[in-house]
Protein backbone atom coordinates (compact mmCIF):
# COMPACT_ATOMS: atom_id res chain seq x y z
CA MET A 1 -13.10 1.65 -5.32
CA ASP A 2 -11.76 2.87 -2.01
CA ASN A 3 -8.48 4.64 -1.29
CA PHE A 4 -6.50 1.45 -0.78
CA ILE A 5 -4.70 -0.15 -3.69
CA VAL A 6 -4.69 -3.43 -1.76
CA ASP A 7 -7.57 -4.40 0.51
CA ARG A 8 -7.15 -2.67 3.86
CA GLU A 9 -7.54 -5.95 5.75
CA ILE A 10 -4.62 -7.44 3.83
CA LEU A 11 -2.48 -4.40 4.61
CA ALA A 12 -3.47 -4.69 8.28
CA LYS A 13 -2.40 -8.36 8.32
CA ILE A 14 0.96 -7.46 6.80
CA ILE A 15 1.55 -4.73 9.38
CA ASP A 16 0.36 -6.96 12.24
CA SER A 17 2.77 -9.66 11.12
CA LEU A 18 5.65 -7.17 11.00
CA ILE A 19 4.77 -5.86 14.46
CA GLU A 20 4.79 -9.42 15.83
CA GLN A 21 8.22 -10.07 14.31
CA LYS A 22 9.89 -6.91 15.54
CA PRO A 23 9.93 -5.84 19.17
CA LEU A 24 8.69 -2.27 19.47
CA ASP A 25 8.79 0.15 22.36
CA LEU A 26 5.08 0.92 22.54
CA ASN A 27 3.73 1.52 26.02
CA SER A 28 -0.03 1.26 25.53
CA SER A 29 -2.67 -0.22 23.31
CA GLU A 30 -3.42 3.31 22.06
CA GLU A 31 0.19 3.72 20.95
CA LEU A 32 0.08 0.32 19.26
CA ASP A 33 -3.19 1.16 17.49
CA SER A 34 -1.82 4.50 16.34
CA PHE A 35 1.44 2.92 15.15
CA ARG A 36 -0.51 0.23 13.33
CA GLU A 37 -2.83 2.69 11.56
CA LYS A 38 0.05 4.99 10.55
CA ASN A 39 1.91 2.07 9.02
CA ILE A 40 -1.11 0.69 7.18
CA LYS A 41 -1.43 4.13 5.61
CA LYS A 42 2.31 4.38 4.96
CA LEU A 43 2.41 0.99 3.24
CA ASN A 44 -0.62 1.90 1.14
CA ASP A 45 1.00 5.23 0.21
CA ARG A 46 4.13 3.40 -0.91
CA LEU A 47 2.08 0.96 -2.94
CA MET A 48 0.13 3.78 -4.59
CA PHE A 49 3.36 5.64 -5.37
CA ALA A 50 5.02 2.53 -6.81
CA VAL A 51 2.07 1.75 -9.06
CA PHE A 52 1.30 5.30 -10.16
CA ASN A 53 4.99 6.00 -10.76
CA LYS A 54 4.74 3.57 -13.68
CA LEU A 55 2.10 5.71 -15.42
CA SER A 56 2.26 8.75 -17.69
CA GLU A 57 0.40 11.95 -16.80
CA GLU A 58 -2.37 11.03 -19.24
CA GLU A 59 -2.73 7.58 -17.71
CA ILE A 60 -2.87 9.05 -14.21
CA GLU A 61 -5.66 11.39 -15.32
CA GLU A 62 -7.57 8.42 -16.72
CA ILE A 63 -7.12 6.47 -13.47
CA GLU A 64 -8.34 9.50 -11.51
CA ARG A 65 -11.40 9.60 -13.75
CA LEU A 66 -12.03 5.91 -13.10
CA MET A 67 -11.69 6.50 -9.37
CA ASP A 68 -14.10 9.46 -9.52
CA GLU A 69 -16.59 7.18 -11.25
CA ASN A 70 -16.18 4.62 -8.44
CA SER A 71 -15.04 2.03 -10.97
CA SER A 72 -14.50 -1.47 -9.69
CA GLU A 73 -11.13 -2.82 -8.65
CA GLU A 74 -11.37 -5.15 -11.63
CA THR A 75 -11.71 -2.15 -14.00
CA PHE A 76 -8.66 -0.55 -12.40
CA MET A 77 -6.61 -3.74 -12.67
CA ASP A 78 -7.70 -4.28 -16.28
CA TYR A 79 -6.68 -0.73 -17.14
CA MET A 80 -3.27 -1.23 -15.59
CA LYS A 81 -2.76 -4.58 -17.31
CA ASN A 82 -3.81 -3.14 -20.67
CA HIS A 83 -1.18 -0.43 -20.19
CA GLY A 84 1.61 -2.89 -19.47
CA ILE A 85 1.70 -2.48 -15.69
CA ASP A 86 2.09 -5.73 -13.73
CA VAL A 87 0.45 -4.44 -10.57
CA GLU A 88 0.90 -7.69 -8.69
CA SER A 89 4.68 -7.63 -9.25
CA VAL A 90 4.91 -3.97 -8.26
CA ILE A 91 2.90 -4.66 -5.10
CA GLU A 92 4.95 -7.75 -4.23
CA LYS A 93 8.26 -5.90 -4.62
CA THR A 94 7.02 -2.89 -2.65
CA VAL A 95 5.73 -5.05 0.24
CA ILE A 96 9.04 -6.97 0.34
CA ASP A 97 11.01 -3.70 0.41
CA PHE A 98 8.74 -2.22 3.09
CA SER A 99 8.99 -5.38 5.21
CA SER A 100 12.77 -5.51 4.89
CA ASN A 101 13.11 -1.87 5.90
CA PHE A 102 10.66 -2.37 8.77
CA GLN A 103 12.78 -5.23 10.13
CA LYS A 104 15.86 -3.01 9.90
CA GLY A 105 14.05 -0.28 11.83
CA GLU A 106 13.85 1.98 8.78
CA GLY A 107 11.13 3.46 6.64
CA TYR A 108 8.11 3.04 8.87
CA ALA A 109 5.94 5.61 10.60
CA GLN A 110 6.75 6.12 14.26
């Protein structure tokens, strides 16, 4: 399991779509690439926070153990589901909130 709660390519597509929808004052491809990477990370961080915020300390320790063991994404998702966390709903809401804030010019990495 890597450090992305959602596949990095999916996060990149979300950020690319947001960038296409909102005019940005970026002067070079390097600035665009940097902006893109920062926001992929920022969105992932928000997703991680939203999901892990639903867990107790004990559950977080168990997830960390699973991550240290390089458990599969399926194992992670099963664990969350078995502990009453609807990860898909949390992710959907977080992406919608991030996208809305992005369009308003708020909450994204510069």
